[in-house]
Amino acid sequence: MALRQIRLFDDEILRKKCKVVEEVNDKIKLILNDMAETMYNTENGGGLAAPQVGLLLRLVVVDMGEGLIKLVNPRIIDKEGTQEVIEGCLSIPNTWGKLIRPGKVTVKALDENGEEFILTATGELAKCLCHEIDHLDGILFTDLVTEYIK
């Protein structure tokens, strides 16, 4: 495993749409492991998407304190309710803002072994999943902020 460099807000890769992963192979598993190690070696890192480490692949890792979740080709298949949240981003250091996210999301993805799974999340995990999946389509949380926080 290796630490990867986190791309910052002015990097154009953060605004590009990521490609679907066609096969979950050893290379994809290595990238997911590198992403997890990179996330764990940052301050306030609860999730990381592949474009944040310079890769235009539909890969996300998340750990909101209940264990690591690796997602390949994640997509939100259902949303319910709303919640006002405060978000930051490893690619946009020292910037925080309020925004509205779904209160509950259901995500369909492949795991690191290529097996399909469905995950339903609420609260902080729902927020994090939305944030990271947005990255895969070139959307940054700053696009959705209703109020910046100092």
Protein backbone atom coordinates (compact mmCIF):
# COMPACT_ATOMS: atom_id res chain seq x y z
CA MET A 1 0.00 0.00 0.00
CA ALA A 2 1.09 3.56 -0.61
CA LEU A 3 0.00 7.04 0.24
CA ARG A 4 -1.27 8.97 -2.74
CA GLN A 5 -1.21 12.72 -3.21
CA ILE A 6 -4.56 14.41 -2.67
CA ARG A 7 -5.49 16.74 -5.51
CA LEU A 8 -6.56 20.22 -4.46
CA PHE A 9 -9.45 22.46 -5.55
CA ASP A 10 -7.72 24.02 -8.55
CA ASP A 11 -6.92 20.64 -10.15
CA GLU A 12 -9.15 20.17 -13.20
CA ILE A 13 -9.43 16.40 -12.61
CA LEU A 14 -11.83 17.14 -9.74
CA ARG A 15 -14.34 18.49 -12.28
CA LYS A 16 -14.31 15.49 -14.61
CA LYS A 17 -16.74 12.58 -14.74
CA CYS A 18 -15.19 9.25 -13.78
CA LYS A 19 -15.23 6.07 -15.84
CA VAL A 20 -17.04 2.90 -14.81
CA VAL A 21 -14.70 0.18 -13.56
CA GLU A 22 -15.15 -2.74 -15.97
CA GLU A 23 -13.41 -5.39 -13.86
CA VAL A 24 -12.51 -5.57 -10.19
CA ASN A 25 -9.01 -6.98 -10.41
CA ASP A 26 -5.79 -6.81 -8.36
CA LYS A 27 -5.00 -3.33 -9.69
CA ILE A 28 -8.40 -2.00 -8.51
CA LYS A 29 -7.94 -3.70 -5.12
CA LEU A 30 -4.51 -2.05 -4.77
CA ILE A 31 -5.96 1.37 -5.65
CA LEU A 32 -8.74 0.92 -3.05
CA ASN A 33 -6.16 -0.04 -0.41
CA ASP A 34 -3.99 2.96 -1.31
CA MET A 35 -7.03 5.23 -1.11
CA ALA A 36 -7.93 3.86 2.33
CA GLU A 37 -4.37 4.33 3.60
CA THR A 38 -4.33 7.88 2.21
CA MET A 39 -7.68 8.68 3.86
CA TYR A 40 -6.54 7.28 7.22
CA ASN A 41 -3.38 9.41 7.05
CA THR A 42 -5.27 12.69 6.78
CA GLU A 43 -6.91 14.83 9.40
CA ASN A 44 -10.72 14.72 9.33
CA GLY A 45 -10.84 12.17 6.51
CA GLY A 46 -14.09 10.20 6.51
CA GLY A 47 -14.11 9.38 2.81
CA LEU A 48 -12.08 9.63 -0.35
CA ALA A 49 -12.99 9.34 -4.03
CA ALA A 50 -10.60 8.27 -6.78
CA PRO A 51 -10.45 11.65 -8.56
CA GLN A 52 -9.12 13.14 -5.32
CA VAL A 53 -6.00 11.03 -5.87
CA GLY A 54 -5.87 11.74 -9.60
CA LEU A 55 -7.74 8.73 -10.97
CA LEU A 56 -10.85 9.02 -13.14
CA LEU A 57 -12.37 5.79 -11.85
CA ARG A 58 -15.67 5.23 -10.02
CA LEU A 59 -14.07 4.21 -6.72
CA VAL A 60 -14.84 5.41 -3.18
CA VAL A 61 -13.64 4.50 0.30
CA VAL A 62 -15.53 5.58 3.43
CA ASP A 63 -15.03 5.12 7.16
CA MET A 64 -17.24 7.15 9.47
CA GLY A 65 -16.05 5.22 12.53
CA GLU A 66 -17.89 1.97 11.92
CA GLY A 67 -15.34 0.30 9.64
CA LEU A 68 -13.97 0.70 6.15
CA ILE A 69 -16.37 0.47 3.22
CA LYS A 70 -14.90 0.08 -0.28
CA LEU A 71 -17.24 0.88 -3.16
CA VAL A 72 -16.72 0.20 -6.84
CA ASN A 73 -19.13 1.92 -9.27
CA PRO A 74 -21.38 3.22 -6.47
CA ARG A 75 -24.65 4.85 -7.37
CA ILE A 76 -27.46 6.20 -5.29
CA ILE A 77 -30.63 4.28 -6.11
CA ASP A 78 -32.93 5.87 -3.51
CA LYS A 79 -33.05 9.02 -1.37
CA GLU A 80 -35.40 9.97 1.45
CA GLY A 81 -35.89 13.11 3.51
CA THR A 82 -33.42 15.91 4.04
CA GLN A 83 -30.84 16.96 6.58
CA GLU A 84 -28.85 20.15 6.98
CA VAL A 85 -25.19 19.19 7.27
CA ILE A 86 -21.80 20.80 7.64
CA GLU A 87 -19.18 19.54 5.23
CA GLY A 88 -15.55 19.99 4.40
CA CYS A 89 -13.37 18.24 1.84
CA LEU A 90 -9.81 16.94 1.82
CA SER A 91 -9.40 18.56 -1.62
CA ILE A 92 -10.58 21.96 -0.35
CA PRO A 93 -8.66 22.45 2.91
CA ASN A 94 -9.89 24.78 5.64
CA THR A 95 -13.26 25.37 3.98
CA TRP A 96 -16.54 24.39 5.65
CA GLY A 97 -20.11 24.98 4.64
CA LYS A 98 -23.72 24.17 5.37
CA LEU A 99 -25.76 22.35 2.76
CA ILE A 100 -28.77 20.10 2.39
CA ARG A 101 -28.30 16.38 1.82
CA PRO A 102 -30.76 13.48 1.87
CA GLY A 103 -31.46 12.10 5.34
CA LYS A 104 -31.33 8.55 4.06
CA VAL A 105 -29.73 7.03 0.95
CA THR A 106 -29.56 3.59 -0.57
CA VAL A 107 -26.42 2.89 -2.59
CA LYS A 108 -25.77 0.02 -4.98
CA ALA A 109 -22.12 -0.87 -5.63
CA LEU A 110 -19.61 -3.65 -6.06
CA ASP A 111 -17.28 -4.59 -3.20
CA GLU A 112 -13.55 -5.19 -3.59
CA ASN A 113 -14.28 -8.76 -4.75
CA GLY A 114 -16.64 -7.65 -7.51
CA GLU A 115 -19.75 -8.74 -5.60
CA GLU A 116 -22.79 -6.47 -5.81
CA PHE A 117 -24.19 -5.13 -2.55
CA ILE A 118 -26.74 -2.58 -1.40
CA LEU A 119 -26.10 -0.26 1.53
CA THR A 120 -28.71 1.91 3.22
CA ALA A 121 -27.36 4.76 5.35
CA THR A 122 -28.65 7.67 7.41
CA GLY A 123 -27.09 10.69 9.09
CA GLU A 124 -23.32 11.17 8.78
CA LEU A 125 -22.77 8.08 6.64
CA ALA A 126 -25.50 9.17 4.20
CA LYS A 127 -23.88 12.61 4.00
CA CYS A 128 -20.44 11.12 3.36
CA LEU A 129 -21.68 8.72 0.68
CA CYS A 130 -23.42 11.57 -1.16
CA HIS A 131 -20.30 13.75 -0.92
CA GLU A 132 -17.98 11.06 -2.27
CA ILE A 133 -20.32 9.86 -5.03
CA ASP A 134 -20.71 13.50 -6.13
CA HIS A 135 -16.92 13.58 -6.64
CA LEU A 136 -17.29 10.83 -9.25
CA ASP A 137 -19.38 13.22 -11.37
CA GLY A 138 -17.15 16.26 -10.90
CA ILE A 139 -19.40 17.85 -8.27
CA LEU A 140 -17.77 19.49 -5.25
CA PHE A 141 -19.57 20.28 -2.01
CA THR A 142 -18.87 23.97 -2.64
CA ASP A 143 -21.30 23.75 -5.59
CA LEU A 144 -24.08 23.00 -3.08
CA VAL A 145 -23.17 25.19 -0.10
CA THR A 146 -25.93 27.42 1.24
CA GLU A 147 -23.68 29.19 3.75
CA TYR A 148 -19.94 29.10 4.41
CA ILE A 149 -18.76 28.70 8.00
CA LYS A 150 -15.67 30.42 9.35
